[in-house]
PDB file of N, CA and C in Angstrom:
ATOM      1  N   MET A   1      10.486   0.836  47.122  1.00  0.00           N
ATOM      2  CA  MET A   1      10.527   1.958  46.218  1.00  0.00           C
ATOM      3  C   MET A   1      11.031   3.183  46.963  1.00  0.00           C
ATOM      4  N   GLY A   2      12.317   3.418  47.017  1.00  0.00           N
ATOM      5  CA  GLY A   2      12.873   4.579  47.683  1.00  0.00           C
ATOM      6  C   GLY A   2      13.118   5.695  46.690  1.00  0.00           C
ATOM      7  N   SER A   3      13.199   6.918  47.215  1.00  0.00           N
ATOM      8  CA  SER A   3      13.481   8.032  46.318  1.00  0.00           C
ATOM      9  C   SER A   3      14.983   8.082  46.064  1.00  0.00           C
ATOM     10  N   SER A   4      15.336   8.490  44.876  1.00  0.00           N
ATOM     11  CA  SER A   4      16.751   8.552  44.541  1.00  0.00           C
ATOM     12  C   SER A   4      17.353   9.843  45.091  1.00  0.00           C
ATOM     13  N   LYS A   5      18.656   9.843  45.213  1.00  0.00           N
ATOM     14  CA  LYS A   5      19.379  11.002  45.729  1.00  0.00           C
ATOM     15  C   LYS A   5      19.278  12.148  44.721  1.00  0.00           C
ATOM     16  N   PRO A   6      18.967  13.363  45.191  1.00  0.00           N
ATOM     17  CA  PRO A   6      18.892  14.502  44.264  1.00  0.00           C
ATOM     18  C   PRO A   6      20.212  14.718  43.530  1.00  0.00           C
ATOM     19  N   THR A   7      20.098  14.984  42.249  1.00  0.00           N
ATOM     20  CA  THR A   7      21.290  15.265  41.451  1.00  0.00           C
ATOM     21  C   THR A   7      21.247  16.702  40.943  1.00  0.00           C
ATOM     22  N   LYS A   8      22.409  17.280  40.846  1.00  0.00           N
ATOM     23  CA  LYS A   8      22.540  18.645  40.350  1.00  0.00           C
ATOM     24  C   LYS A   8      22.326  18.626  38.845  1.00  0.00           C
ATOM     25  N   THR A   9      21.469  19.506  38.370  1.00  0.00           N
ATOM     26  CA  THR A   9      21.122  19.568  36.958  1.00  0.00           C
ATOM     27  C   THR A   9      21.178  21.017  36.496  1.00  0.00           C
ATOM     28  N   THR A  10      21.535  21.227  35.251  1.00  0.00           N
ATOM     29  CA  THR A  10      21.511  22.558  34.654  1.00  0.00           C
ATOM     30  C   THR A  10      20.631  22.493  33.408  1.00  0.00           C
ATOM     31  N   CYS A  11      19.652  23.377  33.333  1.00  0.00           N
ATOM     32  CA  CYS A  11      18.763  23.381  32.161  1.00  0.00           C
ATOM     33  C   CYS A  11      19.413  24.137  31.004  1.00  0.00           C
ATOM     34  N   GLU A  12      18.766  24.115  29.864  1.00  0.00           N
ATOM     35  CA  GLU A  12      19.310  24.786  28.675  1.00  0.00           C
ATOM     36  C   GLU A  12      19.391  26.298  28.841  1.00  0.00           C
ATOM     37  N   ASN A  13      18.665  26.848  29.820  1.00  0.00           N
ATOM     38  CA  ASN A  13      18.720  28.287  30.085  1.00  0.00           C
ATOM     39  C   ASN A  13      19.756  28.644  31.148  1.00  0.00           C
ATOM     40  N   GLY A  14      20.487  27.631  31.629  1.00  0.00           N
ATOM     41  CA  GLY A  14      21.554  27.875  32.587  1.00  0.00           C
ATOM     42  C   GLY A  14      21.151  27.826  34.047  1.00  0.00           C
ATOM     43  N   HIS A  15      19.879  27.500  34.332  1.00  0.00           N
ATOM     44  CA  HIS A  15      19.440  27.400  35.728  1.00  0.00           C
ATOM     45  C   HIS A  15      19.990  26.117  36.341  1.00  0.00           C
ATOM     46  N   VAL A  16      20.528  26.224  37.538  1.00  0.00           N
ATOM     47  CA  VAL A  16      21.064  25.070  38.253  1.00  0.00           C
ATOM     48  C   VAL A  16      20.054  24.705  39.339  1.00  0.00           C
ATOM     49  N   TYR A  17      19.680  23.430  39.404  1.00  0.00           N
ATOM     50  CA  TYR A  17      18.715  22.959  40.389  1.00  0.00           C
ATOM     51  C   TYR A  17      19.004  21.503  40.708  1.00  0.00           C
ATOM     52  N   TYR A  18      18.402  21.032  41.779  1.00  0.00           N
ATOM     53  CA  TYR A  18      18.570  19.638  42.199  1.00  0.00           C
ATOM     54  C   TYR A  18      17.239  18.922  42.043  1.00  0.00           C
ATOM     55  N   LYS A  19      17.291  17.698  41.472  1.00  0.00           N
ATOM     56  CA  LYS A  19      16.094  16.896  41.269  1.00  0.00           C
ATOM     57  C   LYS A  19      16.384  15.454  41.618  1.00  0.00           C
ATOM     58  N   SER A  20      15.381  14.801  42.222  1.00  0.00           N
ATOM     59  CA  SER A  20      15.540  13.385  42.553  1.00  0.00           C
ATOM     60  C   SER A  20      14.797  12.497  41.564  1.00  0.00           C
ATOM     61  N   SER A  21      14.115  13.108  40.605  1.00  0.00           N
ATOM     62  CA  SER A  21      13.419  12.327  39.578  1.00  0.00           C
ATOM     63  C   SER A  21      14.079  12.573  38.228  1.00  0.00           C
ATOM     64  N   GLU A  22      13.644  11.824  37.229  1.00  0.00           N
ATOM     65  CA  GLU A  22      14.189  12.003  35.883  1.00  0.00           C
ATOM     66  C   GLU A  22      13.365  12.981  35.055  1.00  0.00           C
ATOM     67  N   CYS A  23      12.419  13.655  35.692  1.00  0.00           N
ATOM     68  CA  CYS A  23      11.585  14.634  34.999  1.00  0.00           C
ATOM     69  C   CYS A  23      12.475  15.736  34.431  1.00  0.00           C
ATOM     70  N   PRO A  24      12.365  16.026  33.128  1.00  0.00           N
ATOM     71  CA  PRO A  24      13.258  17.003  32.502  1.00  0.00           C
ATOM     72  C   PRO A  24      12.854  18.464  32.706  1.00  0.00           C
ATOM     73  N   ILE A  25      11.780  18.720  33.443  1.00  0.00           N
ATOM     74  CA  ILE A  25      11.273  20.079  33.598  1.00  0.00           C
ATOM     75  C   ILE A  25      12.089  20.838  34.643  1.00  0.00           C
ATOM     76  N   CYS A  26      12.590  21.995  34.254  1.00  0.00           N
ATOM     77  CA  CYS A  26      13.339  22.865  35.161  1.00  0.00           C
ATOM     78  C   CYS A  26      12.329  23.634  36.021  1.00  0.00           C
ATOM     79  N   PRO A  27      12.395  23.505  37.336  1.00  0.00           N
ATOM     80  CA  PRO A  27      11.429  24.202  38.186  1.00  0.00           C
ATOM     81  C   PRO A  27      11.547  25.719  38.117  1.00  0.00           C
ATOM     82  N   ILE A  28      12.727  26.220  37.831  1.00  0.00           N
ATOM     83  CA  ILE A  28      12.925  27.671  37.735  1.00  0.00           C
ATOM     84  C   ILE A  28      12.269  28.203  36.462  1.00  0.00           C
ATOM     85  N   CYS A  29      12.478  27.519  35.342  1.00  0.00           N
ATOM     86  CA  CYS A  29      11.837  27.912  34.082  1.00  0.00           C
ATOM     87  C   CYS A  29      10.306  27.832  34.218  1.00  0.00           C
ATOM     88  N   GLU A  30       9.816  26.767  34.868  1.00  0.00           N
ATOM     89  CA  GLU A  30       8.373  26.592  35.056  1.00  0.00           C
ATOM     90  C   GLU A  30       7.783  27.743  35.849  1.00  0.00           C
ATOM     91  N   LYS A  31       8.457  28.142  36.903  1.00  0.00           N
ATOM     92  CA  LYS A  31       7.965  29.239  37.734  1.00  0.00           C
ATOM     93  C   LYS A  31       7.930  30.540  36.926  1.00  0.00           C
ATOM     94  N   GLN A  32       8.932  30.748  36.084  1.00  0.00           N
ATOM     95  CA  GLN A  32       9.006  31.968  35.281  1.00  0.00           C
ATOM     96  C   GLN A  32       7.925  32.019  34.206  1.00  0.00           C
ATOM     97  N   ARG A  33       7.520  30.862  33.691  1.00  0.00           N
ATOM     98  CA  ARG A  33       6.535  30.881  32.607  1.00  0.00           C
ATOM     99  C   ARG A  33       5.091  30.728  33.084  1.00  0.00           C
ATOM    100  N   LYS A  34       4.889  30.619  34.401  1.00  0.00           N
ATOM    101  CA  LYS A  34       3.533  30.522  34.930  1.00  0.00           C
ATOM    102  C   LYS A  34       2.795  31.827  34.647  1.00  0.00           C
ATOM    103  N   PRO A  35       1.592  31.750  34.071  1.00  0.00           N
ATOM    104  CA  PRO A  35       0.838  32.975  33.782  1.00  0.00           C
ATOM    105  C   PRO A  35       0.494  33.742  35.064  1.00  0.00           C
ATOM    106  N   ASP A  36       0.410  35.053  34.956  1.00  0.00           N
ATOM    107  CA  ASP A  36       0.055  35.898  36.091  1.00  0.00           C
ATOM    108  C   ASP A  36      -1.448  35.982  36.292  1.00  0.00           C
ATOM    109  N   GLU A  37      -2.196  35.684  35.243  1.00  0.00           N
ATOM    110  CA  GLU A  37      -3.655  35.782  35.332  1.00  0.00           C
ATOM    111  C   GLU A  37      -4.299  34.735  34.459  1.00  0.00           C
ATOM    112  N   GLY A  38      -5.610  34.632  34.558  1.00  0.00           N
ATOM    113  CA  GLY A  38      -6.355  33.641  33.795  1.00  0.00           C
ATOM    114  C   GLY A  38      -6.406  32.312  34.525  1.00  0.00           C
ATOM    115  N   PHE A  39      -7.237  31.418  34.038  1.00  0.00           N
ATOM    116  CA  PHE A  39      -7.447  30.156  34.737  1.00  0.00           C
ATOM    117  C   PHE A  39      -6.207  29.286  34.768  1.00  0.00           C
ATOM    118  N   LEU A  40      -5.321  29.402  33.779  1.00  0.00           N
ATOM    119  CA  LEU A  40      -4.097  28.596  33.785  1.00  0.00           C
ATOM    120  C   LEU A  40      -3.155  28.993  34.923  1.00  0.00           C
ATOM    121  N   SER A  41      -3.321  30.194  35.461  1.00  0.00           N
ATOM    122  CA  SER A  41      -2.495  30.627  36.589  1.00  0.00           C
ATOM    123  C   SER A  41      -2.957  29.997  37.902  1.00  0.00           C
ATOM    124  N   GLU A  42      -4.130  29.384  37.889  1.00  0.00           N
ATOM    125  CA  GLU A  42      -4.725  28.842  39.108  1.00  0.00           C
ATOM    126  C   GLU A  42      -4.580  27.332  39.256  1.00  0.00           C
ATOM    127  N   ILE A  43      -3.912  26.693  38.299  1.00  0.00           N
ATOM    128  CA  ILE A  43      -3.776  25.239  38.372  1.00  0.00           C
ATOM    129  C   ILE A  43      -2.300  24.844  38.450  1.00  0.00           C
ATOM    130  N   ALA A  44      -2.060  23.630  38.897  1.00  0.00           N
ATOM    131  CA  ALA A  44      -0.695  23.127  39.058  1.00  0.00           C
ATOM    132  C   ALA A  44       0.008  23.002  37.708  1.00  0.00           C
ATOM    133  N   ALA A  45       1.325  23.096  37.747  1.00  0.00           N
ATOM    134  CA  ALA A  45       2.131  23.082  36.515  1.00  0.00           C
ATOM    135  C   ALA A  45       1.890  21.859  35.629  1.00  0.00           C
ATOM    136  N   PRO A  46       1.828  20.624  36.157  1.00  0.00           N
ATOM    137  CA  PRO A  46       1.592  19.487  35.261  1.00  0.00           C
ATOM    138  C   PRO A  46       0.243  19.585  34.530  1.00  0.00           C
ATOM    139  N   ALA A  47      -0.786  20.024  35.248  1.00  0.00           N
ATOM    140  CA  ALA A  47      -2.100  20.177  34.626  1.00  0.00           C
ATOM    141  C   ALA A  47      -2.074  21.301  33.595  1.00  0.00           C
ATOM    142  N   ARG A  48      -1.383  22.390  33.922  1.00  0.00           N
ATOM    143  CA  ARG A  48      -1.279  23.512  32.980  1.00  0.00           C
ATOM    144  C   ARG A  48      -0.571  23.075  31.698  1.00  0.00           C
ATOM    145  N   ARG A  49       0.538  22.344  31.854  1.00  0.00           N
ATOM    146  CA  ARG A  49       1.252  21.854  30.663  1.00  0.00           C
ATOM    147  C   ARG A  49       0.370  20.916  29.844  1.00  0.00           C
ATOM    148  N   ALA A  50      -0.409  20.082  30.518  1.00  0.00           N
ATOM    149  CA  ALA A  50      -1.299  19.152  29.805  1.00  0.00           C
ATOM    150  C   ALA A  50      -2.288  19.922  28.932  1.00  0.00           C
ATOM    151  N   LEU A  51      -2.848  20.980  29.471  1.00  0.00           N
ATOM    152  CA  LEU A  51      -3.795  21.781  28.690  1.00  0.00           C
ATOM    153  C   LEU A  51      -3.084  22.549  27.583  1.00  0.00           C
ATOM    154  N   GLU A  52      -1.957  23.158  27.903  1.00  0.00           N
ATOM    155  CA  GLU A  52      -1.208  23.907  26.887  1.00  0.00           C
ATOM    156  C   GLU A  52      -0.769  23.000  25.740  1.00  0.00           C
ATOM    157  N   ASP A  53      -0.330  21.786  26.073  1.00  0.00           N
ATOM    158  CA  ASP A  53       0.096  20.828  25.043  1.00  0.00           C
ATOM    159  C   ASP A  53      -1.045  20.465  24.098  1.00  0.00           C
ATOM    160  N   ASN A  54      -2.263  20.605  24.592  1.00  0.00           N
ATOM    161  CA  ASN A  54      -3.445  20.282  23.788  1.00  0.00           C
ATOM    162  C   ASN A  54      -4.165  21.536  23.307  1.00  0.00           C
ATOM    163  N   LYS A  55      -3.442  22.659  23.322  1.00  0.00           N
ATOM    164  CA  LYS A  55      -3.919  23.947  22.779  1.00  0.00           C
ATOM    165  C   LYS A  55      -5.208  24.427  23.445  1.00  0.00           C
ATOM    166  N   ILE A  56      -5.330  24.203  24.757  1.00  0.00           N
ATOM    167  CA  ILE A  56      -6.490  24.670  25.521  1.00  0.00           C
ATOM    168  C   ILE A  56      -6.016  25.842  26.367  1.00  0.00           C
ATOM    169  N   ASN A  57      -6.462  27.043  25.994  1.00  0.00           N
ATOM    170  CA  ASN A  57      -5.985  28.251  26.655  1.00  0.00           C
ATOM    171  C   ASN A  57      -7.087  29.063  27.322  1.00  0.00           C
ATOM    172  N   THR A  58      -8.345  28.665  27.118  1.00  0.00           N
ATOM    173  CA  THR A  58      -9.458  29.383  27.738  1.00  0.00           C
ATOM    174  C   THR A  58     -10.435  28.375  28.335  1.00  0.00           C
ATOM    175  N   LEU A  59     -11.241  28.838  29.261  1.00  0.00           N
ATOM    176  CA  LEU A  59     -12.270  27.964  29.838  1.00  0.00           C
ATOM    177  C   LEU A  59     -13.304  27.569  28.791  1.00  0.00           C
ATOM    178  N   GLU A  60     -13.553  28.452  27.852  1.00  0.00           N
ATOM    179  CA  GLU A  60     -14.502  28.139  26.775  1.00  0.00           C
ATOM    180  C   GLU A  60     -13.982  26.987  25.918  1.00  0.00           C
ATOM    181  N   GLU A  61     -12.679  26.990  25.633  1.00  0.00           N
ATOM    182  CA  GLU A  61     -12.074  25.869  24.894  1.00  0.00           C
ATOM    183  C   GLU A  61     -12.123  24.595  25.733  1.00  0.00           C
ATOM    184  N   LEU A  62     -11.851  24.711  27.025  1.00  0.00           N
ATOM    185  CA  LEU A  62     -11.895  23.563  27.920  1.00  0.00           C
ATOM    186  C   LEU A  62     -13.277  22.922  27.937  1.00  0.00           C
ATOM    187  N   ALA A  63     -14.326  23.741  27.888  1.00  0.00           N
ATOM    188  CA  ALA A  63     -15.704  23.249  27.952  1.00  0.00           C
ATOM    189  C   ALA A  63     -16.107  22.441  26.716  1.00  0.00           C
ATOM    190  N   THR A  64     -15.283  22.445  25.671  1.00  0.00           N
ATOM    191  CA  THR A  64     -15.604  21.655  24.473  1.00  0.00           C
ATOM    192  C   THR A  64     -15.109  20.217  24.605  1.00  0.00           C
ATOM    193  N   PHE A  65     -14.456  19.901  25.737  1.00  0.00           N
ATOM    194  CA  PHE A  65     -13.932  18.564  25.993  1.00  0.00           C
ATOM    195  C   PHE A  65     -14.718  17.892  27.111  1.00  0.00           C
ATOM    196  N   SER A  66     -14.751  16.566  27.077  1.00  0.00           N
ATOM    197  CA  SER A  66     -15.356  15.816  28.179  1.00  0.00           C
ATOM    198  C   SER A  66     -14.329  15.664  29.296  1.00  0.00           C
ATOM    199  N   GLU A  67     -14.810  15.378  30.485  1.00  0.00           N
ATOM    200  CA  GLU A  67     -13.916  15.131  31.619  1.00  0.00           C
ATOM    201  C   GLU A  67     -12.993  13.954  31.317  1.00  0.00           C
ATOM    202  N   LYS A  68     -13.529  12.927  30.669  1.00  0.00           N
ATOM    203  CA  LYS A  68     -12.737  11.740  30.329  1.00  0.00           C
ATOM    204  C   LYS A  68     -11.601  12.106  29.368  1.00  0.00           C
ATOM    205  N   GLU A  69     -11.897  12.955  28.396  1.00  0.00           N
ATOM    206  CA  GLU A  69     -10.858  13.383  27.445  1.00  0.00           C
ATOM    207  C   GLU A  69      -9.733  14.133  28.168  1.00  0.00           C
ATOM    208  N   ILE A  70     -10.101  15.040  29.057  1.00  0.00           N
ATOM    209  CA  ILE A  70      -9.102  15.828  29.778  1.00  0.00           C
ATOM    210  C   ILE A  70      -8.271  14.927  30.691  1.00  0.00           C
ATOM    211  N   LEU A  71      -8.914  13.977  31.363  1.00  0.00           N
ATOM    212  CA  LEU A  71      -8.194  13.050  32.237  1.00  0.00           C
ATOM    213  C   LEU A  71      -7.191  12.184  31.471  1.00  0.00           C
ATOM    214  N   SER A  72      -7.412  12.002  30.179  1.00  0.00           N
ATOM    215  CA  SER A  72      -6.499  11.176  29.376  1.00  0.00           C
ATOM    216  C   SER A  72      -5.200  11.906  29.042  1.00  0.00           C
ATOM    217  N   PHE A  73      -5.156  13.217  29.269  1.00  0.00           N
ATOM    218  CA  PHE A  73      -3.953  13.995  28.963  1.00  0.00           C
ATOM    219  C   PHE A  73      -2.855  13.675  29.960  1.00  0.00           C
ATOM    220  N   HIS A  74      -1.638  13.489  29.471  1.00  0.00           N
ATOM    221  CA  HIS A  74      -0.485  13.264  30.344  1.00  0.00           C
ATOM    222  C   HIS A  74      -0.298  14.472  31.253  1.00  0.00           C
ATOM    223  N   GLY A  75      -0.249  14.231  32.554  1.00  0.00           N
ATOM    224  CA  GLY A  75      -0.064  15.310  33.520  1.00  0.00           C
ATOM    225  C   GLY A  75      -1.340  15.747  34.203  1.00  0.00           C
ATOM    226  N   MET A  76      -2.472  15.265  33.722  1.00  0.00           N
ATOM    227  CA  MET A  76      -3.749  15.655  34.316  1.00  0.00           C
ATOM    228  C   MET A  76      -4.213  14.568  35.260  1.00  0.00           C
ATOM    229  N   GLY A  77      -4.576  14.959  36.466  1.00  0.00           N
ATOM    230  CA  GLY A  77      -5.053  14.004  37.457  1.00  0.00           C
ATOM    231  C   GLY A  77      -6.393  14.423  38.026  1.00  0.00           C
ATOM    232  N   LYS A  78      -6.864  13.643  38.975  1.00  0.00           N
ATOM    233  CA  LYS A  78      -8.183  13.902  39.565  1.00  0.00           C
ATOM    234  C   LYS A  78      -8.247  15.239  40.288  1.00  0.00           C
ATOM    235  N   SER A  79      -7.175  15.625  40.980  1.00  0.00           N
ATOM    236  CA  SER A  79      -7.203  16.911  41.680  1.00  0.00           C
ATOM    237  C   SER A  79      -7.257  18.065  40.682  1.00  0.00           C
ATOM    238  N   GLY A  80      -6.597  17.899  39.538  1.00  0.00           N
ATOM    239  CA  GLY A  80      -6.671  18.916  38.485  1.00  0.00           C
ATOM    240  C   GLY A  80      -8.073  19.046  37.933  1.00  0.00           C
ATOM    241  N   ILE A  81      -8.750  17.922  37.760  1.00  0.00           N
ATOM    242  CA  ILE A  81     -10.132  17.930  37.254  1.00  0.00           C
ATOM    243  C   ILE A  81     -11.054  18.645  38.237  1.00  0.00           C
ATOM    244  N   ILE A  82     -10.873  18.384  39.518  1.00  0.00           N
ATOM    245  CA  ILE A  82     -11.706  19.041  40.539  1.00  0.00           C
ATOM    246  C   ILE A  82     -11.539  20.551  40.461  1.00  0.00           C
ATOM    247  N   LYS A  83     -10.300  21.007  40.353  1.00  0.00           N
ATOM    248  CA  LYS A  83     -10.031  22.450  40.256  1.00  0.00           C
ATOM    249  C   LYS A  83     -10.629  23.022  38.973  1.00  0.00           C
ATOM    250  N   LEU A  84     -10.488  22.288  37.864  1.00  0.00           N
ATOM    251  CA  LEU A  84     -11.032  22.772  36.593  1.00  0.00           C
ATOM    252  C   LEU A  84     -12.550  22.855  36.633  1.00  0.00           C
ATOM    253  N   LYS A  85     -13.208  21.876  37.265  1.00  0.00           N
ATOM    254  CA  LYS A  85     -14.672  21.919  37.401  1.00  0.00           C
ATOM    255  C   LYS A  85     -15.106  23.170  38.168  1.00  0.00           C
ATOM    256  N   THR A  86     -14.369  23.475  39.228  1.00  0.00           N
ATOM    257  CA  THR A  86     -14.672  24.666  40.032  1.00  0.00           C
ATOM    258  C   THR A  86     -14.534  25.928  39.186  1.00  0.00           C
ATOM    259  N   LEU A  87     -13.463  26.017  38.428  1.00  0.00           N
ATOM    260  CA  LEU A  87     -13.226  27.185  37.579  1.00  0.00           C
ATOM    261  C   LEU A  87     -14.282  27.298  36.482  1.00  0.00           C
ATOM    262  N   LEU A  88     -14.641  26.165  35.887  1.00  0.00           N
ATOM    263  CA  LEU A  88     -15.702  26.175  34.865  1.00  0.00           C
ATOM    264  C   LEU A  88     -17.022  26.638  35.472  1.00  0.00           C
ATOM    265  N   ASN A  89     -17.372  26.084  36.632  1.00  0.00           N
ATOM    266  CA  ASN A  89     -18.643  26.432  37.283  1.00  0.00           C
ATOM    267  C   ASN A  89     -18.738  27.916  37.599  1.00  0.00           C
ATOM    268  N   LYS A  90     -17.623  28.528  38.002  1.00  0.00           N
ATOM    269  CA  LYS A  90     -17.615  29.966  38.304  1.00  0.00           C
ATOM    270  C   LYS A  90     -18.008  30.799  37.091  1.00  0.00           C
ATOM    271  N   LYS A  91     -17.739  30.267  35.892  1.00  0.00           N
ATOM    272  CA  LYS A  91     -18.078  30.978  34.650  1.00  0.00           C
ATOM    273  C   LYS A  91     -19.377  30.459  34.022  1.00  0.00           C
ATOM    274  N   GLY A  92     -20.095  29.576  34.745  1.00  0.00           N
ATOM    275  CA  GLY A  92     -21.331  29.025  34.211  1.00  0.00           C
ATOM    276  C   GLY A  92     -21.105  27.993  33.116  1.00  0.00           C
ATOM    277  N   LEU A  93     -19.934  27.379  33.103  1.00  0.00           N
ATOM    278  CA  LEU A  93     -19.580  26.392  32.088  1.00  0.00           C
ATOM    279  C   LEU A  93     -19.416  25.018  32.735  1.00  0.00           C
ATOM    280  N   HIS A  94     -19.307  23.983  31.890  1.00  0.00           N
ATOM    281  CA  HIS A  94     -19.069  22.629  32.379  1.00  0.00           C
ATOM    282  C   HIS A  94     -18.436  21.811  31.267  1.00  0.00           C
ATOM    283  N   PHE A  95     -17.881  20.647  31.649  1.00  0.00           N
ATOM    284  CA  PHE A  95     -17.321  19.753  30.651  1.00  0.00           C
ATOM    285  C   PHE A  95     -18.423  19.250  29.733  1.00  0.00           C
ATOM    286  N   LYS A  96     -18.032  18.945  28.494  1.00  0.00           N
ATOM    287  CA  LYS A  96     -18.950  18.353  27.514  1.00  0.00           C
ATOM    288  C   LYS A  96     -19.431  17.010  28.060  1.00  0.00           C
ATOM    289  N   ASP A  97     -20.696  16.673  27.782  1.00  0.00           N
ATOM    290  CA  ASP A  97     -21.245  15.374  28.234  1.00  0.00           C
ATOM    291  C   ASP A  97     -20.690  14.228  27.437  1.00  0.00           C
TER     292      ASP A  97
END
């Protein structure tokens, strides 16, 4: 399983970048849309997109889900869950049982 050679790609916004995967996400657009504040600014882009895709924008909304439900979201992994638990705990919140 070798990595493929990076290919030059241009996104719909005109950003030119090189990617070795088939992931359609433009890293320049992603960096520009990263929030400056709030808990979504503290997590990795795939985890942030997973929450945004499921309309979770606050820690209070996140606390209405179980850890298993969040892990089932595309883009969410174990390291994302660990970070989210830390952020929830700081606010006195936790995942639904």
